[in-house]
Protein backbone atom coordinates (compact mmCIF):
# COMPACT_ATOMS: atom_id res chain seq x y z
CA MET A 1 25.92 33.21 1.75
CA LEU A 2 26.35 30.43 4.80
CA LYS A 3 29.23 28.35 4.40
CA GLN A 4 29.69 24.95 5.65
CA ASN A 5 33.07 22.94 7.05
CA PHE A 6 34.19 19.70 6.41
CA LYS A 7 37.13 18.31 8.68
CA VAL A 8 39.37 16.20 6.59
CA CYS A 9 42.00 16.19 8.34
CA LEU A 10 44.15 17.90 11.43
CA CYS A 11 44.95 20.58 9.71
CA TRP A 12 42.50 20.56 6.06
CA ARG A 13 39.20 22.07 5.55
CA ARG A 14 36.97 22.33 2.78
CA ILE A 15 34.51 24.98 2.36
CA PHE A 16 31.75 25.16 0.84
CA LYS A 17 28.97 27.80 0.08
CA THR A 18 25.48 26.94 1.08
CA ARG A 19 23.08 28.93 -1.71
CA VAL A 20 19.01 29.75 -1.19
CA VAL A 21 17.48 27.92 -4.55
CA GLU A 22 15.98 29.77 -6.70
CA PRO A 23 12.47 29.33 -8.16
CA PRO A 24 12.32 27.42 -11.31
CA LEU A 25 11.35 29.62 -14.50
CA GLU A 26 8.52 28.05 -14.91
CA VAL A 27 7.30 29.34 -11.27
CA LYS A 28 8.19 32.56 -12.65
CA ASN A 29 6.15 32.85 -15.40
CA ALA A 30 3.10 31.02 -13.57
CA PHE A 31 3.41 33.76 -10.90
CA PHE A 32 3.79 36.59 -13.24
CA ARG A 33 1.25 35.33 -15.79
CA TYR A 34 -1.30 35.67 -12.84
CA ALA A 35 0.19 38.59 -11.17
CA PRO A 36 0.90 41.06 -13.27
CA SER A 37 1.89 43.64 -10.40
CA GLY A 38 4.20 41.28 -8.78
CA THR A 39 2.36 40.92 -6.09
CA MET A 40 -0.05 38.03 -6.06
CA THR A 41 -3.88 38.44 -4.81
CA VAL A 42 -6.46 36.11 -3.07
CA ASP A 43 -8.86 36.30 -6.53
CA GLU A 44 -5.35 35.66 -8.42
CA LEU A 45 -4.34 33.11 -6.22
CA LEU A 46 -7.85 31.03 -6.98
CA ARG A 47 -7.07 32.09 -10.72
CA PHE A 48 -4.11 29.67 -10.63
CA LEU A 49 -5.53 27.19 -8.27
CA ILE A 50 -8.28 26.56 -10.70
CA GLU A 51 -6.76 27.27 -14.57
CA HIS A 52 -3.60 26.41 -13.90
CA GLN A 53 -3.34 23.50 -11.11
CA GLY A 54 -6.63 22.22 -12.36
CA GLU A 55 -8.59 22.71 -8.73
CA LYS A 56 -11.72 23.03 -10.47
CA ASP A 57 -13.95 23.09 -7.34
CA ALA A 58 -11.37 25.37 -6.04
CA THR A 59 -12.93 27.93 -3.79
CA ARG A 60 -12.08 31.38 -2.72
CA GLU A 61 -12.43 30.34 0.97
CA ASP A 62 -9.56 27.40 -0.59
CA ALA A 63 -7.27 30.48 -1.33
CA GLN A 64 -7.49 32.84 1.67
CA ALA A 65 -6.71 29.32 3.92
CA ILE A 66 -3.17 29.73 1.77
CA PHE A 67 -2.73 33.37 2.71
CA ASP A 68 -3.40 32.53 6.11
CA SER A 69 -0.71 29.69 6.19
CA LEU A 70 1.79 31.74 4.92
CA LYS A 71 1.75 34.76 7.43
CA HIS A 72 3.71 33.78 9.76
CA LEU A 73 6.87 33.69 7.42
CA ASN A 74 8.74 37.16 7.13
CA ILE A 75 7.97 37.14 3.58
CA PHE A 76 4.33 37.62 3.94
CA HIS A 77 3.03 40.92 2.29
CA ARG A 78 -0.19 41.49 4.12
CA ARG A 79 -1.72 42.78 0.25
CA GLY A 80 -0.40 39.79 -1.39
CA LEU A 81 1.99 36.93 -2.08
CA HIS A 82 5.28 37.71 -3.73
CA LEU A 83 7.24 35.74 -5.88
CA GLU A 84 9.40 34.16 -2.95
CA ALA A 85 6.02 33.50 -0.77
CA PHE A 86 4.60 32.19 -3.93
CA PHE A 87 7.04 29.73 -4.11
CA ARG A 88 7.24 28.79 -0.38
CA TYR A 89 3.23 28.01 -0.94
CA LEU A 90 3.96 25.65 -3.62
CA LEU A 91 6.83 23.72 -2.14
CA GLY A 92 4.47 23.45 1.14
CA ASP A 93 2.11 21.00 2.45
CA HIS A 94 -1.32 23.06 0.95
CA ASN A 95 0.08 21.82 -2.26
CA LEU A 96 0.96 18.23 -2.39
CA ALA A 97 0.57 16.73 -5.25
CA HIS A 98 -1.45 13.48 -3.77
CA PRO A 99 -2.94 15.34 -0.56
CA PRO A 100 -3.28 13.62 2.96
CA SER A 101 -6.58 14.40 3.77
CA GLN A 102 -8.07 13.31 0.61
CA LYS A 103 -11.33 11.81 1.82
CA VAL A 104 -13.10 8.36 1.10
CA HIS A 105 -13.89 8.69 -2.26
CA HIS A 106 -14.94 5.58 -4.13
CA ASP A 107 -18.36 3.27 -4.31
CA MET A 108 -17.95 1.44 -0.80
CA THR A 109 -21.14 -0.30 -1.55
CA ALA A 110 -20.30 -3.26 -3.53
CA PRO A 111 -19.56 -6.60 -2.20
CA LEU A 112 -16.02 -7.16 -0.90
CA ALA A 113 -14.64 -8.76 -3.94
CA HIS A 114 -14.88 -5.56 -5.68
CA TYR A 115 -12.00 -4.05 -3.83
CA PHE A 116 -8.31 -4.53 -3.40
CA LEU A 117 -8.04 -4.93 0.21
CA PHE A 118 -4.48 -3.64 2.37
CA THR A 119 -2.94 -7.00 3.36
CA GLY A 120 -0.29 -8.56 6.09
CA HIS A 121 1.43 -11.42 6.02
CA ASN A 122 2.36 -13.49 9.06
CA SER A 123 1.26 -10.45 10.81
CA TYR A 124 2.76 -10.80 14.28
CA LEU A 125 6.36 -11.40 12.74
CA THR A 126 9.41 -8.29 13.64
CA GLY A 127 11.86 -9.67 11.54
CA ASN A 128 12.87 -12.26 9.45
CA GLN A 129 10.40 -15.76 8.93
CA LEU A 130 13.05 -17.89 10.30
CA SER A 131 14.07 -16.79 13.94
CA SER A 132 12.84 -13.71 14.29
CA ALA A 133 10.35 -12.63 16.95
CA SER A 134 6.73 -12.82 16.99
CA SER A 135 5.18 -9.86 18.73
CA VAL A 136 1.46 -7.60 18.69
CA GLU A 137 3.31 -4.79 18.08
CA PRO A 138 3.64 -5.15 13.85
CA ILE A 139 -0.12 -6.01 14.18
CA LYS A 140 -0.90 -2.82 15.68
CA ASP A 141 1.96 -1.06 13.15
CA ALA A 142 0.20 -2.21 10.52
CA LEU A 143 -3.46 -1.03 11.68
CA LEU A 144 -2.36 1.67 11.95
CA ARG A 145 -0.80 2.05 8.61
CA GLY A 146 -4.42 1.19 7.44
CA VAL A 147 -3.78 -2.46 7.08
CA ARG A 148 -7.17 -4.17 7.10
CA VAL A 149 -6.50 -8.12 6.68
CA ILE A 150 -4.23 -9.22 9.39
CA GLU A 151 -2.91 -12.79 9.14
CA LEU A 152 -2.26 -15.13 12.44
CA ASP A 153 -1.29 -18.55 12.39
CA LEU A 154 -2.87 -21.04 15.18
CA TRP A 155 -0.50 -23.85 16.80
CA PRO A 156 -1.01 -25.65 20.01
CA ASN A 157 1.49 -24.74 22.90
CA SER A 158 3.38 -26.95 23.66
CA LYS A 159 1.20 -28.63 26.38
CA GLY A 160 -1.34 -29.18 24.10
CA ASN A 161 -3.95 -27.20 26.43
CA ASP A 162 -4.21 -23.10 24.74
CA VAL A 163 -3.40 -22.26 21.48
CA GLU A 164 -0.18 -19.61 20.62
CA VAL A 165 0.62 -18.00 17.73
CA ARG A 166 3.61 -18.34 15.67
CA HIS A 167 5.29 -19.55 12.54
CA GLY A 168 5.70 -23.49 12.33
CA GLY A 169 8.31 -24.94 12.00
CA THR A 170 10.78 -21.92 12.05
CA LEU A 171 12.93 -20.86 14.98
CA THR A 172 10.36 -17.67 15.65
CA SER A 173 9.15 -17.15 18.78
CA PRO A 174 4.90 -17.47 19.73
CA VAL A 175 2.82 -14.38 20.80
CA ASP A 176 0.04 -15.29 22.63
CA LEU A 177 -3.27 -15.44 21.04
CA GLN A 178 -5.23 -13.60 23.39
CA SER A 179 -2.58 -10.24 23.14
CA CYS A 180 -3.21 -10.84 19.86
CA LEU A 181 -6.76 -10.17 19.42
CA LYS A 182 -6.83 -7.56 21.99
CA ILE A 183 -4.10 -5.26 20.48
CA ILE A 184 -6.46 -5.77 17.05
CA LYS A 185 -9.79 -4.84 19.02
CA ASP A 186 -8.04 -1.76 20.36
CA ASN A 187 -6.08 -0.46 16.95
CA ALA A 188 -8.74 -2.05 14.53
CA PHE A 189 -10.81 1.22 13.85
CA THR A 190 -8.32 4.11 14.37
CA ALA A 191 -6.88 4.31 10.13
CA SER A 192 -10.22 3.38 9.01
CA GLU A 193 -13.51 2.46 9.88
CA TYR A 194 -13.66 0.11 7.34
CA PRO A 195 -14.06 -3.83 8.03
CA VAL A 196 -10.99 -6.00 9.42
CA VAL A 197 -10.55 -9.36 8.34
CA ILE A 198 -8.66 -11.81 10.59
CA THR A 199 -6.95 -15.09 8.87
CA PHE A 200 -6.34 -17.74 10.30
CA GLU A 201 -3.58 -19.93 9.19
CA ASP A 202 -5.15 -23.05 11.52
CA HIS A 203 -3.19 -25.62 12.63
CA LEU A 204 -5.82 -26.96 15.56
CA ASN A 205 -7.42 -29.96 16.81
CA SER A 206 -11.55 -29.37 17.54
CA HIS A 207 -11.27 -28.52 21.41
CA LEU A 208 -8.41 -25.46 20.95
CA GLN A 209 -11.08 -24.93 17.81
CA LYS A 210 -13.57 -24.29 20.34
CA LYS A 211 -11.50 -22.61 23.02
CA VAL A 212 -10.11 -20.28 19.88
CA ALA A 213 -14.41 -19.44 19.10
CA LYS A 214 -14.44 -18.61 23.01
CA MET A 215 -11.30 -16.60 22.54
CA VAL A 216 -12.83 -14.65 19.71
CA THR A 217 -16.30 -13.82 20.34
CA GLU A 218 -15.69 -12.65 24.34
CA THR A 219 -12.63 -10.22 22.57
CA PHE A 220 -14.40 -8.92 19.62
CA GLY A 221 -18.25 -8.68 21.07
CA GLU A 222 -20.65 -6.70 18.39
CA MET A 223 -17.82 -6.23 16.41
CA LEU A 224 -17.96 -9.71 15.33
CA TYR A 225 -20.08 -10.13 12.08
CA CYS A 226 -20.90 -13.54 11.55
CA THR A 227 -23.48 -15.03 8.90
CA GLU A 228 -26.57 -15.95 8.80
CA THR A 229 -25.83 -18.78 6.68
CA GLU A 230 -22.88 -20.47 5.52
CA ASN A 231 -23.58 -20.42 1.47
CA LEU A 232 -23.39 -17.04 1.01
CA GLN A 233 -24.48 -15.57 -3.35
CA GLN A 234 -22.13 -12.62 -2.41
CA PHE A 235 -19.71 -11.29 0.17
CA PRO A 236 -21.30 -8.09 2.10
CA SER A 237 -19.92 -4.35 1.15
CA PRO A 238 -17.28 -2.10 3.38
CA GLU A 239 -19.88 0.24 3.70
CA SER A 240 -22.49 -2.27 5.25
CA LEU A 241 -19.42 -3.93 7.70
CA LYS A 242 -18.14 -0.55 8.84
CA LYS A 243 -16.51 -1.66 12.11
CA ARG A 244 -16.82 -5.24 12.55
CA VAL A 245 -14.25 -7.55 12.57
CA LEU A 246 -14.41 -10.90 10.38
CA ILE A 247 -13.12 -14.29 10.99
CA SER A 248 -11.62 -16.38 7.43
CA THR A 249 -9.88 -19.95 7.44
CA LYS A 250 -11.09 -23.19 6.57
CA PRO A 251 -14.40 -24.78 8.35
CA PRO A 252 -13.31 -27.62 10.34
CA LYS A 253 -15.75 -29.71 8.32
CA GLU A 254 -13.55 -29.82 5.37
CA TYR A 255 -10.43 -31.04 8.16
CA LEU A 256 -12.67 -33.73 9.66
CA GLU A 257 -14.87 -34.96 7.24
CA GLY A 258 -11.60 -34.67 4.13
CA ASN A 259 -13.79 -34.45 1.94
CA THR A 260 -14.39 -31.55 0.07
CA ALA A 261 -11.90 -29.38 0.37
CA ASP A 262 -7.91 -30.19 -0.03
CA LEU A 263 -5.76 -29.19 3.47
CA SER A 264 -2.80 -27.65 0.75
CA ASP A 265 -4.51 -24.70 1.17
CA ASN A 266 -2.57 -23.74 4.21
CA GLU A 267 1.27 -22.00 3.90
CA SER A 268 2.63 -24.17 6.25
CA VAL A 269 4.19 -27.71 5.26
CA THR A 270 3.14 -29.61 7.72
CA ASN A 271 -0.23 -30.76 9.20
CA PRO A 272 -0.97 -32.05 12.30
CA LEU A 273 -4.32 -32.16 11.32
CA ASP A 274 -4.83 -34.63 8.40
CA GLU A 275 -5.78 -37.83 9.91
CA GLY A 276 -7.42 -39.87 7.66
CA GLU A 277 -10.64 -41.12 8.31
CA HIS A 278 -10.92 -40.04 11.43
CA VAL A 279 -14.77 -39.82 12.48
CA PRO A 280 -15.51 -37.13 15.06
CA ASP A 281 -17.04 -37.63 18.45
CA GLU A 282 -20.27 -35.32 19.98
CA ASP A 283 -18.29 -33.35 21.88
CA GLU A 284 -15.59 -32.29 18.79
CA GLU A 285 -19.41 -32.12 16.99
CA LYS A 286 -20.36 -29.20 19.50
CA ALA A 287 -16.73 -28.14 19.59
CA VAL A 288 -16.91 -27.78 15.59
CA THR A 289 -20.28 -25.80 15.15
CA GLN A 290 -18.75 -23.09 17.67
CA TYR A 291 -15.89 -22.09 15.34
CA ARG A 292 -18.04 -22.78 12.65
CA GLN A 293 -20.50 -19.68 13.74
CA ILE A 294 -17.56 -17.27 13.52
CA ILE A 295 -16.07 -17.39 10.47
CA ALA A 296 -17.34 -15.02 8.25
CA ILE A 297 -15.13 -15.76 4.99
CA HIS A 298 -14.98 -19.57 4.14
CA ALA A 299 -11.55 -20.76 3.06
CA GLY A 300 -10.26 -23.49 1.18
CA LYS A 301 -9.03 -25.22 -2.15
CA LEU A 302 -11.05 -27.30 -3.68
CA LYS A 303 -9.78 -31.20 -4.80
CA GLY A 304 -8.65 -31.56 -7.86
CA GLY A 305 -6.23 -28.62 -9.86
CA LEU A 306 -6.58 -25.11 -11.15
CA ASP A 307 -9.37 -25.42 -12.94
CA ASN A 308 -11.23 -26.58 -9.73
CA TRP A 309 -9.46 -24.44 -7.11
CA LEU A 310 -10.87 -21.64 -9.61
CA SER A 311 -14.24 -22.89 -10.33
CA ASP A 312 -16.63 -20.34 -9.32
CA ASP A 313 -20.06 -21.88 -7.52
CA PRO A 314 -22.60 -18.97 -8.52
CA ARG A 315 -24.69 -20.81 -4.78
CA LYS A 316 -21.71 -19.64 -2.65
CA VAL A 317 -18.54 -17.50 -2.46
CA ARG A 318 -15.60 -18.30 -0.74
CA ARG A 319 -11.71 -17.38 -0.41
CA LEU A 320 -9.20 -19.14 -2.15
CA SER A 321 -5.31 -19.20 -1.51
CA LEU A 322 -2.54 -19.40 -4.02
CA SER A 323 1.64 -18.98 -3.52
CA GLU A 324 3.02 -15.86 -5.36
CA GLN A 325 4.81 -18.72 -8.06
CA GLU A 326 1.05 -20.61 -8.06
CA LEU A 327 -0.32 -17.28 -9.38
CA GLU A 328 2.59 -16.86 -11.60
CA SER A 329 1.89 -20.45 -13.05
CA ALA A 330 -1.25 -20.01 -13.39
CA ALA A 331 -1.91 -16.20 -14.90
CA LYS A 332 0.51 -18.12 -17.82
CA THR A 333 -2.73 -20.56 -18.67
CA HIS A 334 -5.52 -19.47 -17.12
CA GLY A 335 -5.88 -15.35 -16.79
CA THR A 336 -8.98 -14.83 -17.95
CA LYS A 337 -10.93 -17.83 -15.43
CA ILE A 338 -8.17 -16.10 -12.55
CA VAL A 339 -10.08 -13.23 -12.78
CA ARG A 340 -13.45 -14.20 -13.39
CA PHE A 341 -13.52 -16.13 -10.00
CA THR A 342 -11.96 -12.62 -8.61
CA GLN A 343 -15.07 -11.23 -10.03
CA ARG A 344 -17.42 -12.66 -7.22
CA ASN A 345 -14.87 -14.90 -4.89
CA LEU A 346 -11.67 -13.60 -3.00
CA LEU A 347 -8.05 -14.55 -3.80
CA ARG A 348 -5.66 -14.39 -1.37
CA VAL A 349 -2.07 -14.27 -2.67
CA PHE A 350 1.18 -15.41 -0.66
CA PRO A 351 4.94 -14.75 -0.56
CA LYS A 352 6.63 -17.51 -1.75
CA GLY A 353 8.18 -20.36 1.51
CA THR A 354 12.18 -19.10 0.06
CA ARG A 355 11.25 -15.22 0.91
CA LEU A 356 12.80 -15.75 4.72
CA ASP A 357 14.35 -12.57 4.77
CA SER A 358 10.59 -11.15 4.70
CA SER A 359 11.54 -9.66 1.82
CA ASN A 360 8.40 -9.41 -1.16
CA TYR A 361 7.43 -9.75 -4.49
CA ASN A 362 5.31 -7.83 -7.10
CA PRO A 363 1.52 -7.05 -6.51
CA PHE A 364 0.79 -5.91 -10.18
CA VAL A 365 0.67 -9.67 -11.49
CA GLY A 366 -2.22 -10.28 -8.90
CA TRP A 367 -3.64 -7.20 -8.99
CA MET A 368 -3.38 -7.28 -12.58
CA HIS A 369 -5.95 -10.77 -12.35
CA GLY A 370 -8.58 -9.09 -9.89
CA ALA A 371 -6.94 -10.85 -6.35
CA GLN A 372 -8.57 -8.64 -3.58
CA MET A 373 -5.69 -9.54 -0.94
CA VAL A 374 -1.61 -9.39 -1.78
CA ALA A 375 0.16 -10.27 0.99
CA PHE A 376 2.69 -8.51 1.80
CA ASN A 377 5.58 -8.91 4.55
CA MET A 378 4.87 -4.99 6.39
CA GLN A 379 7.83 -5.63 8.54
CA GLY A 380 10.20 -5.40 5.46
CA GLN A 381 11.11 -2.91 3.58
CA GLY A 382 12.22 -2.06 -0.68
CA LYS A 383 10.31 -0.86 -3.59
CA HIS A 384 7.07 -4.00 -3.28
CA LEU A 385 6.66 -2.78 -0.15
CA TRP A 386 7.21 0.71 -0.73
CA ILE A 387 4.80 0.30 -4.03
CA MET A 388 1.71 -1.40 -1.59
CA GLN A 389 2.32 1.52 0.77
CA GLY A 390 1.60 4.01 -3.01
CA MET A 391 -1.10 1.91 -3.89
CA PHE A 392 -3.15 1.92 -0.61
CA ARG A 393 -2.76 5.69 -0.18
CA ALA A 394 -6.10 6.11 -2.63
CA ASN A 395 -9.03 6.39 -1.55
CA GLY A 396 -8.56 8.50 1.78
CA ARG A 397 -6.25 5.45 2.91
CA CYS A 398 -9.04 3.57 4.04
CA GLY A 399 -7.29 0.22 2.91
CA TYR A 400 -10.00 -0.80 0.23
CA VAL A 401 -9.46 0.39 -3.07
CA LYS A 402 -12.00 -0.21 -5.93
CA LYS A 403 -10.79 -1.92 -8.08
CA PRO A 404 -11.49 -0.38 -11.98
CA ASP A 405 -14.56 -1.26 -14.04
CA PHE A 406 -12.88 -3.55 -16.63
CA LEU A 407 -12.13 -6.43 -13.72
CA LEU A 408 -15.81 -6.16 -13.21
CA GLN A 409 -17.39 -5.85 -16.36
CA ARG A 410 -18.26 -9.45 -18.92
CA ASP A 411 -19.09 -7.97 -22.32
CA PRO A 412 -22.58 -9.27 -24.63
CA ASN A 413 -20.22 -12.80 -25.03
CA ASP A 414 -19.94 -13.29 -21.19
CA GLU A 415 -16.49 -12.47 -22.19
CA VAL A 416 -14.19 -11.10 -18.62
CA PHE A 417 -11.00 -9.06 -19.27
CA ASN A 418 -7.84 -10.38 -20.79
CA PRO A 419 -4.78 -9.91 -18.78
CA ASN A 420 -2.69 -11.14 -21.02
CA ALA A 421 -3.92 -9.70 -24.00
CA HIS A 422 -2.57 -6.13 -25.76
CA LEU A 423 -3.32 -3.10 -24.66
CA ASP A 424 -3.31 0.26 -25.95
CA VAL A 425 -1.80 3.26 -24.50
CA LYS A 426 -4.47 5.74 -22.38
CA THR A 427 -2.89 8.83 -21.59
CA VAL A 428 0.52 10.04 -21.52
CA MET A 429 1.85 11.11 -18.11
CA THR A 430 4.15 14.09 -18.10
CA VAL A 431 6.99 14.95 -15.25
CA LYS A 432 9.60 17.78 -15.10
CA VAL A 433 11.11 17.25 -11.74
CA TYR A 434 12.95 20.62 -10.74
CA LEU A 435 14.10 20.46 -7.43
CA GLY A 436 14.99 19.03 -4.24
CA GLU A 437 15.30 20.70 -0.41
CA GLY A 438 14.76 19.69 3.44
CA TRP A 439 18.30 16.94 3.27
CA HIS A 440 19.93 19.66 5.36
CA GLN A 441 17.71 20.13 7.62
CA ASP A 442 16.57 16.07 8.63
CA PHE A 443 20.33 14.42 8.00
CA HIS A 444 23.72 15.41 9.32
CA HIS A 445 25.63 17.54 7.46
CA THR A 446 28.37 14.37 7.05
CA ALA A 447 25.20 11.45 7.04
CA PHE A 448 26.22 11.05 2.85
CA ASP A 449 29.74 12.19 2.59
CA ARG A 450 32.37 13.13 5.37
CA TYR A 451 34.19 15.55 2.92
CA SER A 452 31.70 16.84 1.27
CA PRO A 453 27.67 17.78 0.19
CA PRO A 454 25.94 15.55 -1.02
CA ASP A 455 25.70 14.41 -4.68
CA PHE A 456 21.82 13.58 -5.25
CA TYR A 457 19.77 12.33 -8.35
CA THR A 458 16.13 11.15 -8.70
CA LYS A 459 15.22 7.98 -10.10
CA ILE A 460 11.48 8.51 -11.47
CA GLY A 461 9.44 5.92 -13.13
CA ILE A 462 6.32 3.96 -13.25
CA ALA A 463 5.12 0.85 -11.88
CA GLY A 464 2.57 -0.86 -13.15
CA VAL A 465 1.80 -4.10 -15.70
CA PRO A 466 4.52 -5.13 -17.88
CA ALA A 467 3.60 -2.53 -20.66
CA ASP A 468 3.65 0.73 -18.49
CA ARG A 469 6.87 0.06 -16.45
CA ALA A 470 9.43 2.55 -16.98
CA ILE A 471 12.30 4.06 -15.19
CA ALA A 472 14.07 7.17 -15.89
CA GLN A 473 16.94 9.41 -13.90
CA THR A 474 17.93 13.18 -13.07
CA GLU A 475 21.73 14.17 -13.74
CA ILE A 476 23.59 14.44 -11.01
CA ILE A 477 24.14 17.24 -9.03
CA GLU A 478 27.55 17.22 -7.22
CA ASP A 479 27.86 18.87 -3.67
CA GLU A 480 24.78 20.56 -3.62
CA TRP A 481 22.27 20.82 -0.85
CA LEU A 482 19.41 21.62 -2.64
CA PRO A 483 19.95 20.05 -6.45
CA VAL A 484 18.11 21.66 -9.20
CA TRP A 485 16.97 19.46 -12.36
CA ASN A 486 14.90 21.06 -14.23
CA GLN A 487 14.53 17.73 -16.40
CA GLU A 488 11.46 16.26 -17.53
CA PHE A 489 10.04 13.03 -18.39
CA GLU A 490 7.34 10.82 -20.25
CA PHE A 491 5.83 8.00 -19.32
CA GLN A 492 3.02 6.61 -21.86
CA LEU A 493 0.63 4.62 -19.37
CA ARG A 494 -2.06 1.40 -20.90
CA VAL A 495 -3.48 1.25 -16.75
CA PRO A 496 -3.53 4.15 -15.20
CA GLU A 497 -6.21 2.84 -13.06
CA LEU A 498 -2.94 0.33 -11.21
CA ALA A 499 0.15 2.62 -12.24
CA VAL A 500 1.68 3.91 -9.25
CA LEU A 501 4.28 7.04 -9.74
CA ARG A 502 8.11 6.08 -7.77
CA ILE A 503 10.21 8.84 -6.96
CA GLN A 504 12.99 7.82 -5.26
CA VAL A 505 16.26 9.82 -4.55
CA LEU A 506 19.87 8.55 -4.40
CA GLU A 507 23.08 10.14 -3.39
CA TYR A 508 25.81 9.12 -6.15
CA ASP A 509 28.43 6.99 -3.96
CA THR A 510 31.84 6.39 -6.36
CA THR A 511 32.96 3.31 -3.83
CA GLY A 512 29.82 1.69 -3.83
CA ARG A 513 25.93 1.63 -3.61
CA PRO A 514 24.59 4.86 -3.99
CA ASP A 515 23.00 6.15 -0.20
CA PHE A 516 19.97 6.45 0.46
CA GLY A 517 18.08 9.61 -0.05
CA GLY A 518 14.20 9.73 0.73
CA GLN A 519 11.48 7.99 -1.28
CA ALA A 520 7.70 8.27 -2.34
CA CYS A 521 5.32 6.12 -4.27
CA LEU A 522 1.68 7.64 -5.36
CA PRO A 523 -1.36 6.40 -6.97
CA VAL A 524 -1.47 8.00 -10.51
CA SER A 525 -5.37 7.43 -10.74
CA GLU A 526 -5.78 10.81 -7.87
CA LEU A 527 -2.17 12.47 -8.83
CA ARG A 528 -2.91 16.38 -8.76
CA THR A 529 -2.07 18.35 -11.50
CA GLY A 530 0.63 21.27 -12.03
CA ILE A 531 3.44 22.57 -10.30
CA ARG A 532 3.36 20.18 -6.52
CA THR A 533 5.73 19.36 -4.40
CA VAL A 534 6.18 15.41 -2.92
CA PRO A 535 7.37 14.84 1.04
CA LEU A 536 9.55 12.01 0.53
CA CYS A 537 9.76 9.29 3.06
CA ASP A 538 12.11 6.53 4.74
CA LYS A 539 12.76 3.17 4.22
CA LYS A 540 9.91 2.32 6.39
CA GLY A 541 7.51 4.98 4.78
CA ASN A 542 7.81 7.18 7.76
CA LYS A 543 7.67 10.84 6.80
CA TYR A 544 10.51 13.08 6.53
CA LYS A 545 10.34 16.39 8.26
CA HIS A 546 11.48 18.79 5.51
CA VAL A 547 12.48 16.81 2.17
CA ARG A 548 10.28 16.91 -0.31
CA VAL A 549 11.02 17.46 -4.59
CA LEU A 550 9.48 20.31 -6.28
CA LEU A 551 7.71 18.60 -10.17
CA SER A 552 4.78 19.51 -12.20
CA ILE A 553 2.29 17.16 -13.78
CA LYS A 554 0.15 16.52 -16.77
CA PHE A 555 -1.53 14.16 -18.75
CA GLY A 556 -2.18 14.28 -22.53
CA LEU A 557 -3.90 12.03 -24.49
CA PRO A 558 -1.74 9.73 -27.31
CA TYR A 559 -2.59 11.53 -30.43
CA ASP A 560 -1.27 14.91 -28.63
CA TYR A 561 2.38 13.63 -28.57
């Protein structure tokens, strides 16, 4: 048995024995149930996959691939798997609760309005909303993580003769628009082949709009999707827009005429284009036409209050933007109207202006009302961003998740889903947290405590609609790099289609806040049942090399409990 030393002072060291973790009782029982001889054959492993793990489509080739993946281990026996090798398989990447290799499996032929889109906010900022630098790197990073909606704020430069991207009215530095467009072109379809939407928050005069139109057209070429008519009765599908780039902003007609839309759709406080009864000259009209032609998704608020904003015009579809506060307020009185609006039109939700630290908000208010573009500060961190990343692990991480049918349907009386109505429990998910491993490989031995091994515990819960939200916690296992918890938890789910399983391992600290030991968020709708492993990620969402937890997952009907 290995030992680990912690130096307390010159004359005193604390010595702790490190142990090898034993397979949990449920793992032993499952092994001997399918391999009573003590050696599991390929056919016995296949039975285990189908019957115990619920992999109904598993084949003998799948079982053989697992065997082949273990051949490099000293514990592998060519006649079959012994218990130790079987246990290593359960902790390995062939047995993930949510496999990253999962392919796109949602119907991608419906209109864009039928999907949630992985959406960024102020995508060019490297840090806070007030004083951080602007750069192309956050845009590239977002695209490589599967983000499909990139936001750029367009402003005139100091000389007024060119366009730059920056957060207006703040101390943030600018970045060149052409550089942003180029980085989008180069990275748009690396993580996903489904369309990228660029939303412009436009603070430009007509001459600079003309310049933007030329830049966009020349940069993207055939990748740029332009509509033949401004009055689309429905949006095209993600499938039909593969490897295409779409521009979404307010048509310049609204700026020039000022009688069909409200300028307040923009997030910034100031708007230099509010010019009253300005009459465009011939050059402006030409520039406006060129700019209009690149806009595939028209945005803007109709004049008036919420009822007008959320009106659904059967002759054309559009995009509406609301702040998180505006949505929360509207949801209290206009819940069903928002759902009805989002069945055909696009709704974008953005963080309130006081989130200067680039924090985020609860995305489920938007998702429960059908909002397709819940815009997040991707450069931040924290539980809401982890939940967002977890949601978009679904559907092959392509950045598009089909909305649940209940948000798209209407009953015989033309009524839509009411987000404020009482919901019955649809399923009960039972999760048993067995153990964790990998911290001693990915962290320095004093990373958590200078004088002893860590004291780990796991918080596990559901992020979802208010009625589904829950959090539970295991006991604290003291002075142990390989914690064994063996604790079971139940979660009643009313909207499992939108639920995300949250796992966070923390290290107990008597002197203050607990230390972070890893986290994972996974879409409940795609979890695999049985005994599974979950690799944990750091605060930015990057996967650790070795840190993971072993757990079991099962679903049952409410009357079974």
